[in-house]
Structure formats: structure tokens, C-alpha cells
Amino acid sequence: MFIIGDVVKFKDELGAGVVIDIISQNQVLVRTDEGFENKYPPSCLVLVKRVNTEKSTEWGKVSVTVNDKEEPKQRKKTPKSFLLKKYLKQTKHAGKKKGELFAEIDLHLEELVEFQTHLSPHEKLQLQINHFKKCIEEAKEVKIRKLIFIHGVGQGVLRTELRKMLEEQTGISYKDASFKNYGMGATEVLILGLYK
């Protein structure tokens, strides 16, 4: 069984997190290294580091106070961790002027999870969609205007799902990414109105 403060990693996806609450015997609340809070069954988690039991109880009480009063202010200013950092690139321009900063995110499953054989096709698609949503949300928060999502060609299921979600969003435009750079397997997303 896990305790509050345990550092865990996920069996079905990349990344790690910290146990912040024990909801029941079958559910644990984890704050991921990307700053999101998600519920997981203990069977989907692997213990990386156990903290001292006394400190973890103290930490748990402190964390509730921080969550209730201070954390919302912090979230508005800066994200807890920068998910998009590993995807950042800069457009190239002739001369000395730096190009625009943008994120290039590869949504191929092998880039997102180490072991995917046990996942159903639906779970695989949901994993890709969830990563897409997290990247869009963080881009808005840290004011990155341009994102390139590499989804590949395949049967076009992921591309279709992403575009359906983008259609429902306000303040976002999208188009096929540069054919020269990505072929037909990528979508360029622009988040509008970030610098007004």
C-alpha cells in the first residue's frame, strides 16, 4: 500500500509523480511530474521512493493548506513543471534575429509510453489525446503560440480526433504542418490572442 509522499512511476505511461492522497484501497491521487492531479489504481503504480512515515503525514497536512490557499495563485503565474520544455525549438531566420519559439510534439505511442503491448486500441488513442490536451493547456499557460503535433498518417484516426477537438476550441486555429518538414503526418496549431 502507498502512503502520502511516496514517489511513484506509472506502469502504463511515461513519467512519475507523488502520492498526495489515499482515496480508497482501490484509488490513489497522484500529482504527476507535469503538475496534474490524477486518480490511479495502486496496481498501475510502481514505488520509486518511500518517504519517512512521520514526515509524509506532516507533509500531507501541509500540502492541504498549500492547496487550499496558495496554489491557485502559483498556478496562474507559472506551471509547476514545464511539460513542453523538451519539445521547444526555434524557427530559423537569416540574419541575427532569433526566430519564433515553438513546440514540436511527437504523438507516436513509442514516444509516450515505454510498454504499449497491454493497451487496447482505445486506451492507446486516449493516451495520445490526453497528452495532446495537456500540451495545449500548458502552451496557453506559458504563452507558446505555435505547436506542431506529429501524428503520422496511418489510418487517420488520431488526426481526425485531434481536429474534432480543435474545431470545438475558441481562440485556436490549425492547418496541415509544412509538407516539406513533416510530410502529411503533422498538424500545426496556433493559439490566438496570447500577446494582447
N, C-alpha and C. Protein backbone atom coordinates (compact mmCIF):
# COMPACT_ATOMS: atom_id res chain seq x y z
N MET A 1 0.84 -1.19 0.00
CA MET A 1 0.00 0.00 0.00
C MET A 1 0.89 1.25 0.00
N PHE A 2 0.41 2.28 -0.64
CA PHE A 2 1.17 3.53 -0.72
C PHE A 2 0.80 4.46 0.44
N ILE A 3 1.70 5.39 0.72
CA ILE A 3 1.41 6.42 1.71
C ILE A 3 1.65 7.79 1.07
N ILE A 4 1.06 8.81 1.67
CA ILE A 4 1.21 10.17 1.15
C ILE A 4 2.69 10.54 1.15
N GLY A 5 3.14 11.07 0.03
CA GLY A 5 4.53 11.48 -0.11
C GLY A 5 5.37 10.49 -0.90
N ASP A 6 4.87 9.28 -1.12
CA ASP A 6 5.61 8.29 -1.91
C ASP A 6 5.83 8.80 -3.33
N VAL A 7 7.03 8.61 -3.83
CA VAL A 7 7.33 8.91 -5.23
C VAL A 7 7.06 7.64 -6.02
N VAL A 8 6.25 7.77 -7.07
CA VAL A 8 5.85 6.61 -7.86
C VAL A 8 6.07 6.87 -9.34
N LYS A 9 6.19 5.79 -10.12
CA LYS A 9 6.16 5.93 -11.57
C LYS A 9 5.01 5.08 -12.08
N PHE A 10 4.63 5.29 -13.32
CA PHE A 10 3.46 4.65 -13.88
C PHE A 10 3.85 3.45 -14.73
N LYS A 11 3.09 2.38 -14.63
CA LYS A 11 3.36 1.18 -15.43
C LYS A 11 2.95 1.40 -16.88
N ASP A 12 1.87 2.15 -17.10
CA ASP A 12 1.28 2.26 -18.43
C ASP A 12 1.64 3.52 -19.19
N GLU A 13 2.37 4.42 -18.58
CA GLU A 13 2.72 5.67 -19.26
C GLU A 13 4.04 6.19 -18.74
N LEU A 14 4.62 7.11 -19.46
CA LEU A 14 5.88 7.72 -19.03
C LEU A 14 5.63 8.68 -17.89
N GLY A 15 6.65 8.95 -17.14
CA GLY A 15 6.55 9.95 -16.10
C GLY A 15 6.47 9.34 -14.71
N ALA A 16 6.41 10.25 -13.75
CA ALA A 16 6.35 9.86 -12.35
C ALA A 16 5.50 10.87 -11.61
N GLY A 17 5.36 10.68 -10.32
CA GLY A 17 4.57 11.61 -9.53
C GLY A 17 4.73 11.33 -8.05
N VAL A 18 3.96 12.09 -7.27
CA VAL A 18 3.97 11.95 -5.82
C VAL A 18 2.55 11.66 -5.36
N VAL A 19 2.40 10.69 -4.47
CA VAL A 19 1.09 10.38 -3.90
C VAL A 19 0.70 11.53 -2.99
N ILE A 20 -0.45 12.15 -3.27
CA ILE A 20 -0.90 13.28 -2.43
C ILE A 20 -2.14 12.95 -1.62
N ASP A 21 -2.80 11.81 -1.93
CA ASP A 21 -3.96 11.41 -1.14
C ASP A 21 -4.26 9.93 -1.40
N ILE A 22 -4.73 9.27 -0.36
CA ILE A 22 -5.21 7.89 -0.48
C ILE A 22 -6.72 7.98 -0.45
N ILE A 23 -7.37 7.82 -1.58
CA ILE A 23 -8.82 7.98 -1.67
C ILE A 23 -9.52 6.74 -1.12
N SER A 24 -9.07 5.58 -1.52
CA SER A 24 -9.61 4.31 -1.03
C SER A 24 -8.54 3.24 -1.26
N GLN A 25 -8.90 2.01 -0.95
CA GLN A 25 -7.97 0.91 -1.18
C GLN A 25 -7.68 0.73 -2.67
N ASN A 26 -8.63 1.18 -3.49
CA ASN A 26 -8.52 0.98 -4.94
C ASN A 26 -8.16 2.24 -5.71
N GLN A 27 -7.97 3.37 -5.01
CA GLN A 27 -7.66 4.62 -5.72
C GLN A 27 -6.69 5.48 -4.93
N VAL A 28 -5.69 5.98 -5.66
CA VAL A 28 -4.67 6.85 -5.08
C VAL A 28 -4.61 8.11 -5.93
N LEU A 29 -4.55 9.28 -5.29
CA LEU A 29 -4.43 10.54 -6.02
C LEU A 29 -2.95 10.89 -6.14
N VAL A 30 -2.50 11.09 -7.38
CA VAL A 30 -1.09 11.35 -7.66
C VAL A 30 -0.95 12.69 -8.37
N ARG A 31 0.00 13.51 -7.91
CA ARG A 31 0.36 14.73 -8.64
C ARG A 31 1.52 14.34 -9.54
N THR A 32 1.28 14.39 -10.85
CA THR A 32 2.30 13.95 -11.81
C THR A 32 3.43 14.96 -11.89
N ASP A 33 4.54 14.54 -12.48
CA ASP A 33 5.67 15.46 -12.64
C ASP A 33 5.34 16.57 -13.63
N GLU A 34 4.20 16.47 -14.31
CA GLU A 34 3.73 17.53 -15.20
C GLU A 34 2.82 18.50 -14.47
N GLY A 35 2.53 18.23 -13.17
CA GLY A 35 1.72 19.12 -12.37
C GLY A 35 0.24 18.80 -12.35
N PHE A 36 -0.18 17.72 -12.96
CA PHE A 36 -1.59 17.35 -12.99
C PHE A 36 -1.90 16.39 -11.85
N GLU A 37 -3.14 16.46 -11.32
CA GLU A 37 -3.57 15.54 -10.29
C GLU A 37 -4.53 14.53 -10.90
N ASN A 38 -4.18 13.25 -10.82
CA ASN A 38 -4.98 12.18 -11.42
C ASN A 38 -5.15 11.04 -10.43
N LYS A 39 -6.27 10.33 -10.55
CA LYS A 39 -6.53 9.15 -9.72
C LYS A 39 -6.03 7.91 -10.46
N TYR A 40 -5.38 7.01 -9.71
CA TYR A 40 -4.85 5.77 -10.28
C TYR A 40 -5.15 4.61 -9.34
N PRO A 41 -5.39 3.43 -9.91
CA PRO A 41 -5.44 2.24 -9.05
C PRO A 41 -4.00 1.90 -8.65
N PRO A 42 -3.79 1.45 -7.41
CA PRO A 42 -2.43 1.13 -6.97
C PRO A 42 -1.71 0.13 -7.88
N SER A 43 -2.47 -0.75 -8.53
CA SER A 43 -1.85 -1.75 -9.40
C SER A 43 -1.16 -1.13 -10.62
N CYS A 44 -1.47 0.14 -10.94
CA CYS A 44 -0.86 0.81 -12.09
C CYS A 44 0.36 1.63 -11.70
N LEU A 45 0.75 1.58 -10.41
CA LEU A 45 1.86 2.39 -9.92
C LEU A 45 3.00 1.51 -9.42
N VAL A 46 4.22 2.04 -9.53
CA VAL A 46 5.41 1.36 -9.02
C VAL A 46 6.09 2.32 -8.05
N LEU A 47 6.37 1.84 -6.84
CA LEU A 47 7.04 2.66 -5.84
C LEU A 47 8.48 2.92 -6.25
N VAL A 48 8.87 4.20 -6.27
CA VAL A 48 10.25 4.58 -6.60
C VAL A 48 10.99 4.91 -5.31
N LYS A 49 10.33 5.69 -4.43
CA LYS A 49 10.98 6.13 -3.20
C LYS A 49 9.92 6.30 -2.13
N ARG A 50 10.17 5.71 -0.98
CA ARG A 50 9.26 5.86 0.16
C ARG A 50 9.84 6.91 1.09
N VAL A 51 8.99 7.83 1.51
CA VAL A 51 9.45 8.86 2.44
C VAL A 51 9.21 8.37 3.86
N ASN A 52 9.84 9.02 4.82
CA ASN A 52 9.64 8.71 6.23
C ASN A 52 8.17 8.90 6.58
N THR A 53 7.57 7.93 7.25
CA THR A 53 6.13 7.96 7.55
C THR A 53 5.74 9.21 8.34
N GLU A 54 6.52 9.60 9.34
CA GLU A 54 6.18 10.78 10.13
C GLU A 54 6.17 12.03 9.26
N LYS A 55 7.19 12.19 8.46
CA LYS A 55 7.27 13.36 7.59
C LYS A 55 6.16 13.36 6.56
N SER A 56 5.82 12.19 6.04
CA SER A 56 4.80 12.15 5.00
C SER A 56 3.45 12.60 5.55
N THR A 57 3.14 12.23 6.79
CA THR A 57 1.88 12.66 7.40
C THR A 57 1.90 14.17 7.58
N GLU A 58 3.02 14.69 8.08
CA GLU A 58 3.16 16.13 8.24
C GLU A 58 3.05 16.83 6.89
N TRP A 59 3.75 16.30 5.92
CA TRP A 59 3.74 16.88 4.58
C TRP A 59 2.34 16.89 4.01
N GLY A 60 1.61 15.79 4.25
CA GLY A 60 0.23 15.70 3.75
C GLY A 60 -0.63 16.81 4.31
N LYS A 61 -0.51 17.09 5.62
CA LYS A 61 -1.30 18.16 6.24
C LYS A 61 -0.90 19.52 5.67
N VAL A 62 0.39 19.74 5.53
CA VAL A 62 0.87 21.00 4.97
C VAL A 62 0.38 21.16 3.53
N SER A 63 0.42 20.08 2.78
CA SER A 63 0.02 20.17 1.37
C SER A 63 -1.44 20.57 1.22
N VAL A 64 -2.31 20.15 2.15
CA VAL A 64 -3.72 20.54 2.08
C VAL A 64 -3.83 22.05 2.27
N THR A 65 -3.10 22.59 3.23
CA THR A 65 -3.13 24.03 3.46
C THR A 65 -2.63 24.79 2.24
N VAL A 66 -1.51 24.33 1.68
CA VAL A 66 -0.95 24.98 0.50
C VAL A 66 -1.93 24.91 -0.66
N ASN A 67 -2.54 23.74 -0.90
CA ASN A 67 -3.50 23.58 -1.99
C ASN A 67 -4.67 24.54 -1.85
N ASP A 68 -5.20 24.68 -0.64
CA ASP A 68 -6.39 25.49 -0.44
C ASP A 68 -6.13 26.98 -0.58
N LYS A 69 -4.97 27.46 -0.16
CA LYS A 69 -4.77 28.91 -0.13
C LYS A 69 -3.76 29.43 -1.14
N GLU A 70 -2.61 28.79 -1.25
CA GLU A 70 -1.54 29.36 -2.05
C GLU A 70 -1.46 28.86 -3.48
N GLU A 71 -1.77 27.61 -3.70
CA GLU A 71 -1.52 27.01 -5.00
C GLU A 71 -2.25 27.67 -6.17
N PRO A 72 -3.54 28.06 -6.05
CA PRO A 72 -4.18 28.69 -7.21
C PRO A 72 -3.44 29.93 -7.70
N LYS A 73 -2.89 30.74 -6.79
CA LYS A 73 -2.13 31.92 -7.21
C LYS A 73 -0.87 31.50 -7.97
N GLN A 74 -0.20 30.47 -7.46
CA GLN A 74 1.01 30.00 -8.13
C GLN A 74 0.70 29.46 -9.52
N ARG A 75 -0.39 28.74 -9.66
CA ARG A 75 -0.74 28.15 -10.95
C ARG A 75 -0.96 29.21 -12.01
N LYS A 76 -1.55 30.33 -11.62
CA LYS A 76 -1.82 31.38 -12.60
C LYS A 76 -0.52 31.98 -13.13
N LYS A 77 0.50 32.05 -12.28
CA LYS A 77 1.75 32.68 -12.70
C LYS A 77 2.63 31.74 -13.51
N THR A 78 2.92 30.56 -12.97
CA THR A 78 3.81 29.63 -13.66
C THR A 78 3.34 28.21 -13.46
N PRO A 79 3.56 27.37 -14.43
CA PRO A 79 3.20 25.96 -14.24
C PRO A 79 4.15 25.30 -13.27
N LYS A 80 3.71 24.23 -12.61
CA LYS A 80 4.56 23.52 -11.65
C LYS A 80 5.76 22.91 -12.34
N SER A 81 5.57 22.40 -13.52
CA SER A 81 6.70 21.89 -14.30
C SER A 81 6.40 22.20 -15.75
N PHE A 82 7.39 22.19 -16.54
CA PHE A 82 7.26 22.66 -17.91
C PHE A 82 7.26 21.46 -18.85
N LEU A 83 6.09 20.91 -19.09
CA LEU A 83 5.91 19.74 -19.95
C LEU A 83 6.49 19.97 -21.34
N LEU A 84 6.29 21.16 -21.89
CA LEU A 84 6.69 21.44 -23.27
C LEU A 84 8.19 21.71 -23.43
N LYS A 85 8.91 21.85 -22.33
CA LYS A 85 10.32 22.22 -22.39
C LYS A 85 11.12 21.31 -23.32
N LYS A 86 10.88 20.01 -23.25
CA LYS A 86 11.66 19.08 -24.08
C LYS A 86 11.28 19.15 -25.55
N TYR A 87 10.18 19.80 -25.88
CA TYR A 87 9.72 19.89 -27.27
C TYR A 87 10.07 21.22 -27.95
N LEU A 88 10.62 22.17 -27.20
CA LEU A 88 10.82 23.52 -27.74
C LEU A 88 11.89 23.57 -28.82
N LYS A 89 11.60 24.36 -29.84
CA LYS A 89 12.54 24.62 -30.95
C LYS A 89 12.38 26.08 -31.32
N GLN A 90 13.25 26.55 -32.19
CA GLN A 90 13.16 27.93 -32.65
C GLN A 90 13.23 27.96 -34.17
N THR A 91 12.34 28.76 -34.76
CA THR A 91 12.36 28.87 -36.22
C THR A 91 13.66 29.55 -36.62
N LYS A 92 14.16 29.24 -37.80
CA LYS A 92 15.43 29.80 -38.26
C LYS A 92 15.16 30.95 -39.21
N HIS A 93 15.86 32.05 -38.97
CA HIS A 93 15.76 33.23 -39.84
C HIS A 93 17.16 33.63 -40.28
N ALA A 94 17.24 34.20 -41.45
CA ALA A 94 18.52 34.73 -41.91
C ALA A 94 18.85 35.96 -41.07
N GLY A 95 20.09 36.18 -40.81
CA GLY A 95 20.49 37.34 -40.01
C GLY A 95 20.61 36.97 -38.54
N LYS A 96 20.67 38.01 -37.70
CA LYS A 96 20.91 37.80 -36.27
C LYS A 96 19.64 37.62 -35.46
N LYS A 97 18.51 38.05 -35.99
CA LYS A 97 17.27 37.99 -35.24
C LYS A 97 16.86 36.54 -34.96
N LYS A 98 16.50 36.27 -33.70
CA LYS A 98 16.06 34.92 -33.32
C LYS A 98 14.67 34.67 -33.87
N GLY A 99 14.41 33.43 -34.20
CA GLY A 99 13.09 33.05 -34.70
C GLY A 99 12.10 32.84 -33.58
N GLU A 100 10.89 32.53 -33.97
CA GLU A 100 9.80 32.29 -33.01
C GLU A 100 10.00 30.95 -32.31
N LEU A 101 9.73 30.93 -31.01
CA LEU A 101 9.79 29.71 -30.23
C LEU A 101 8.53 28.90 -30.49
N PHE A 102 8.67 27.60 -30.74
CA PHE A 102 7.50 26.75 -30.93
C PHE A 102 7.80 25.36 -30.37
N ALA A 103 6.75 24.57 -30.20
CA ALA A 103 6.91 23.22 -29.67
C ALA A 103 6.58 22.21 -30.75
N GLU A 104 7.40 21.19 -30.85
CA GLU A 104 7.19 20.10 -31.82
C GLU A 104 6.98 18.83 -31.00
N ILE A 105 5.73 18.34 -30.99
CA ILE A 105 5.34 17.23 -30.13
C ILE A 105 5.03 16.00 -30.98
N ASP A 106 5.76 14.93 -30.73
CA ASP A 106 5.53 13.67 -31.45
C ASP A 106 4.54 12.83 -30.64
N LEU A 107 3.37 12.57 -31.22
CA LEU A 107 2.32 11.82 -30.53
C LEU A 107 2.37 10.32 -30.83
N HIS A 108 3.40 9.85 -31.51
CA HIS A 108 3.52 8.41 -31.73
C HIS A 108 3.64 7.72 -30.38
N LEU A 109 2.97 6.61 -30.23
CA LEU A 109 2.92 5.91 -28.94
C LEU A 109 4.29 5.58 -28.37
N GLU A 110 5.21 5.17 -29.21
CA GLU A 110 6.54 4.80 -28.72
C GLU A 110 7.27 5.99 -28.09
N GLU A 111 6.83 7.21 -28.40
CA GLU A 111 7.40 8.41 -27.78
C GLU A 111 6.75 8.72 -26.43
N LEU A 112 5.56 8.17 -26.20
CA LEU A 112 4.79 8.50 -24.99
C LEU A 112 4.87 7.43 -23.91
N VAL A 113 4.90 6.16 -24.30
CA VAL A 113 4.96 5.08 -23.32
C VAL A 113 6.02 4.07 -23.71
N GLU A 114 6.62 3.48 -22.68
CA GLU A 114 7.67 2.50 -22.93
C GLU A 114 7.09 1.16 -23.35
N PHE A 115 6.05 0.73 -22.64
CA PHE A 115 5.42 -0.56 -22.93
C PHE A 115 3.97 -0.33 -23.33
N GLN A 116 3.62 -0.72 -24.54
CA GLN A 116 2.27 -0.47 -25.03
C GLN A 116 1.52 -1.72 -25.42
N THR A 117 2.14 -2.87 -25.29
CA THR A 117 1.53 -4.11 -25.77
C THR A 117 0.26 -4.47 -25.01
N HIS A 118 0.16 -4.08 -23.75
CA HIS A 118 -1.01 -4.43 -22.95
C HIS A 118 -2.16 -3.44 -23.11
N LEU A 119 -1.97 -2.39 -23.88
CA LEU A 119 -3.01 -1.37 -24.05
C LEU A 119 -3.92 -1.72 -25.22
N SER A 120 -5.22 -1.49 -25.03
CA SER A 120 -6.17 -1.70 -26.12
C SER A 120 -6.05 -0.53 -27.11
N PRO A 121 -6.55 -0.67 -28.32
CA PRO A 121 -6.51 0.45 -29.28
C PRO A 121 -7.16 1.72 -28.72
N HIS A 122 -8.26 1.56 -27.99
CA HIS A 122 -8.94 2.71 -27.39
C HIS A 122 -8.04 3.38 -26.34
N GLU A 123 -7.39 2.59 -25.49
CA GLU A 123 -6.50 3.14 -24.47
C GLU A 123 -5.32 3.87 -25.10
N LYS A 124 -4.80 3.32 -26.18
CA LYS A 124 -3.69 3.96 -26.89
C LYS A 124 -4.11 5.33 -27.41
N LEU A 125 -5.28 5.38 -28.04
CA LEU A 125 -5.79 6.64 -28.58
C LEU A 125 -6.02 7.65 -27.46
N GLN A 126 -6.61 7.21 -26.35
CA GLN A 126 -6.88 8.10 -25.22
C GLN A 126 -5.59 8.66 -24.64
N LEU A 127 -4.56 7.84 -24.57
CA LEU A 127 -3.27 8.28 -24.07
C LEU A 127 -2.72 9.41 -24.95
N GLN A 128 -2.81 9.23 -26.26
CA GLN A 128 -2.33 10.25 -27.20
C GLN A 128 -3.16 11.53 -27.08
N ILE A 129 -4.47 11.39 -26.98
CA ILE A 129 -5.36 12.55 -26.87
C ILE A 129 -5.10 13.30 -25.57
N ASN A 130 -4.92 12.58 -24.46
CA ASN A 130 -4.65 13.23 -23.18
C ASN A 130 -3.34 14.01 -23.22
N HIS A 131 -2.33 13.45 -23.86
CA HIS A 131 -1.05 14.16 -23.97
C HIS A 131 -1.23 15.43 -24.82
N PHE A 132 -1.98 15.32 -25.89
CA PHE A 132 -2.30 16.46 -26.75
C PHE A 132 -2.97 17.57 -25.94
N LYS A 133 -3.99 17.20 -25.14
CA LYS A 133 -4.72 18.19 -24.33
C LYS A 133 -3.79 18.87 -23.32
N LYS A 134 -2.94 18.08 -22.65
CA LYS A 134 -2.01 18.64 -21.67
C LYS A 134 -1.07 19.64 -22.32
N CYS A 135 -0.59 19.31 -23.51
CA CYS A 135 0.33 20.21 -24.23
C CYS A 135 -0.37 21.51 -24.62
N ILE A 136 -1.61 21.43 -25.10
CA ILE A 136 -2.37 22.64 -25.46
C ILE A 136 -2.57 23.52 -24.23
N GLU A 137 -3.00 22.92 -23.12
CA GLU A 137 -3.24 23.68 -21.90
C GLU A 137 -1.97 24.37 -21.41
N GLU A 138 -0.87 23.65 -21.42
CA GLU A 138 0.38 24.26 -20.94
C GLU A 138 0.85 25.35 -21.89
N ALA A 139 0.67 25.15 -23.18
CA ALA A 139 1.07 26.18 -24.15
C ALA A 139 0.32 27.48 -23.89
N LYS A 140 -0.96 27.38 -23.56
CA LYS A 140 -1.75 28.58 -23.23
C LYS A 140 -1.20 29.23 -21.97
N GLU A 141 -0.88 28.40 -20.99
CA GLU A 141 -0.42 28.90 -19.70
C GLU A 141 0.93 29.60 -19.80
N VAL A 142 1.85 29.05 -20.58
CA VAL A 142 3.19 29.62 -20.67
C VAL A 142 3.39 30.47 -21.93
N LYS A 143 2.29 30.69 -22.65
CA LYS A 143 2.26 31.59 -23.81
C LYS A 143 3.18 31.14 -24.96
N ILE A 144 3.07 29.88 -25.31
CA ILE A 144 3.72 29.39 -26.52
C ILE A 144 2.65 29.34 -27.58
N ARG A 145 2.82 30.14 -28.61
CA ARG A 145 1.78 30.37 -29.61
C ARG A 145 1.65 29.25 -30.63
N LYS A 146 2.76 28.64 -31.00
CA LYS A 146 2.75 27.68 -32.11
C LYS A 146 3.19 26.30 -31.64
N LEU A 147 2.39 25.28 -32.01
CA LEU A 147 2.72 23.90 -31.69
C LEU A 147 2.57 23.06 -32.95
N ILE A 148 3.49 22.14 -33.15
CA ILE A 148 3.40 21.18 -34.25
C ILE A 148 3.18 19.81 -33.61
N PHE A 149 2.06 19.18 -33.93
CA PHE A 149 1.76 17.84 -33.43
C PHE A 149 2.01 16.83 -34.54
N ILE A 150 2.97 15.94 -34.31
CA ILE A 150 3.28 14.89 -35.28
C ILE A 150 2.43 13.67 -34.92
N HIS A 151 1.48 13.35 -35.78
CA HIS A 151 0.57 12.24 -35.50
C HIS A 151 0.73 11.11 -36.49
N GLY A 152 1.49 11.32 -37.54
CA GLY A 152 1.67 10.29 -38.56
C GLY A 152 0.47 10.20 -39.48
N VAL A 153 0.56 9.36 -40.48
CA VAL A 153 -0.53 9.22 -41.45
C VAL A 153 -1.44 8.07 -41.04
N GLY A 154 -0.94 6.87 -41.01
CA GLY A 154 -1.72 5.71 -40.59
C GLY A 154 -3.11 5.67 -41.19
N GLN A 155 -4.10 5.32 -40.38
CA GLN A 155 -5.50 5.29 -40.83
C GLN A 155 -6.18 6.64 -40.64
N GLY A 156 -5.50 7.59 -40.00
CA GLY A 156 -6.04 8.93 -39.83
C GLY A 156 -6.96 9.09 -38.64
N VAL A 157 -7.05 8.10 -37.76
CA VAL A 157 -7.96 8.17 -36.61
C VAL A 157 -7.52 9.27 -35.64
N LEU A 158 -6.23 9.29 -35.27
CA LEU A 158 -5.73 10.29 -34.34
C LEU A 158 -5.87 11.69 -34.93
N ARG A 159 -5.49 11.87 -36.17
CA ARG A 159 -5.60 13.17 -36.84
C ARG A 159 -7.05 13.66 -36.81
N THR A 160 -8.00 12.78 -37.12
CA THR A 160 -9.42 13.14 -37.13
C THR A 160 -9.88 13.55 -35.74
N GLU A 161 -9.49 12.79 -34.72
CA GLU A 161 -9.90 13.11 -33.34
C GLU A 161 -9.32 14.45 -32.88
N LEU A 162 -8.05 14.69 -33.19
CA LEU A 162 -7.41 15.95 -32.80
C LEU A 162 -8.12 17.13 -33.46
N ARG A 163 -8.43 17.00 -34.72
CA ARG A 163 -9.07 18.09 -35.44
C ARG A 163 -10.50 18.33 -34.97
N LYS A 164 -11.20 17.28 -34.56
CA LYS A 164 -12.54 17.46 -33.97
C LYS A 164 -12.43 18.30 -32.70
N MET A 165 -11.45 17.98 -31.86
CA MET A 165 -11.27 18.73 -30.62
C MET A 165 -10.86 20.18 -30.90
N LEU A 166 -10.00 20.38 -31.88
CA LEU A 166 -9.57 21.73 -32.22
C LEU A 166 -10.72 22.56 -32.77
N GLU A 167 -11.63 21.94 -33.51
CA GLU A 167 -12.81 22.63 -34.05
C GLU A 167 -13.67 23.20 -32.92
N GLU A 168 -13.73 22.49 -31.80
CA GLU A 168 -14.57 22.89 -30.67
C GLU A 168 -13.94 24.01 -29.84
N GLN A 169 -12.67 24.27 -30.02
CA GLN A 169 -11.95 25.27 -29.23
C GLN A 169 -12.09 26.66 -29.84
N THR A 170 -12.23 27.66 -28.98
CA THR A 170 -12.18 29.04 -29.46
C THR A 170 -10.76 29.55 -29.23
N GLY A 171 -10.33 30.46 -30.07
CA GLY A 171 -9.00 31.04 -29.92
C GLY A 171 -7.88 30.15 -30.41
N ILE A 172 -8.22 29.16 -31.22
CA ILE A 172 -7.21 28.26 -31.77
C ILE A 172 -7.46 28.07 -33.26
N SER A 173 -6.39 28.18 -34.04
CA SER A 173 -6.51 27.85 -35.46
C SER A 173 -5.52 26.72 -35.75
N TYR A 174 -5.77 25.99 -36.82
CA TYR A 174 -4.89 24.88 -37.16
C TYR A 174 -4.87 24.68 -38.67
N LYS A 175 -3.82 24.01 -39.11
CA LYS A 175 -3.69 23.66 -40.53
C LYS A 175 -2.69 22.51 -40.64
N ASP A 176 -2.58 21.94 -41.83
CA ASP A 176 -1.55 20.93 -42.05
C ASP A 176 -0.19 21.59 -41.85
N ALA A 177 0.71 20.91 -41.15
CA ALA A 177 2.06 21.45 -40.96
C ALA A 177 2.82 21.35 -42.29
N SER A 178 3.95 22.01 -42.36
CA SER A 178 4.78 22.04 -43.56
C SER A 178 5.00 20.65 -44.14
N PHE A 179 4.58 20.47 -45.39
CA PHE A 179 4.76 19.19 -46.07
C PHE A 179 6.25 18.89 -46.23
N LYS A 180 7.02 19.93 -46.48
CA LYS A 180 8.47 19.79 -46.67
C LYS A 180 9.13 19.19 -45.42
N ASN A 181 8.69 19.63 -44.24
CA ASN A 181 9.30 19.18 -42.99
C ASN A 181 8.67 17.92 -42.40
N TYR A 182 7.35 17.75 -42.59
CA TYR A 182 6.63 16.69 -41.88
C TYR A 182 5.83 15.74 -42.77
N GLY A 183 5.86 15.95 -44.06
CA GLY A 183 5.02 15.14 -44.93
C GLY A 183 3.55 15.43 -44.63
N MET A 184 2.72 14.41 -44.68
CA MET A 184 1.29 14.61 -44.42
C MET A 184 0.91 14.20 -43.00
N GLY A 185 1.90 13.99 -42.14
CA GLY A 185 1.61 13.43 -40.82
C GLY A 185 1.70 14.39 -39.65
N ALA A 186 1.43 15.69 -39.86
CA ALA A 186 1.52 16.63 -38.75
C ALA A 186 0.50 17.76 -38.90
N THR A 187 0.11 18.32 -37.77
CA THR A 187 -0.83 19.44 -37.73
C THR A 187 -0.18 20.59 -36.98
N GLU A 188 -0.26 21.79 -37.55
CA GLU A 188 0.25 23.00 -36.90
C GLU A 188 -0.91 23.68 -36.18
N VAL A 189 -0.71 23.99 -34.91
CA VAL A 189 -1.74 24.64 -34.10
C VAL A 189 -1.24 26.01 -33.68
N LEU A 190 -2.06 27.03 -33.87
CA LEU A 190 -1.74 28.39 -33.42
C LEU A 190 -2.74 28.80 -32.34
N ILE A 191 -2.22 29.25 -31.22
CA ILE A 191 -3.08 29.75 -30.15
C ILE A 191 -3.15 31.25 -30.31
N LEU A 192 -4.34 31.75 -30.56
CA LEU A 192 -4.54 33.16 -30.90
C LEU A 192 -4.72 34.01 -29.64
N GLY A 193 -4.33 35.27 -29.74
CA GLY A 193 -4.60 36.24 -28.68
C GLY A 193 -3.73 36.12 -27.44
N LEU A 194 -2.58 35.50 -27.51
CA LEU A 194 -1.74 35.35 -26.32
C LEU A 194 -0.99 36.62 -25.96
N TYR A 195 -0.73 37.48 -26.93
CA TYR A 195 0.13 38.64 -26.66
C TYR A 195 -0.62 39.95 -26.66
N LYS A 196 -1.92 39.90 -26.48
CA LYS A 196 -2.71 41.14 -26.47
C LYS A 196 -2.65 41.80 -25.13
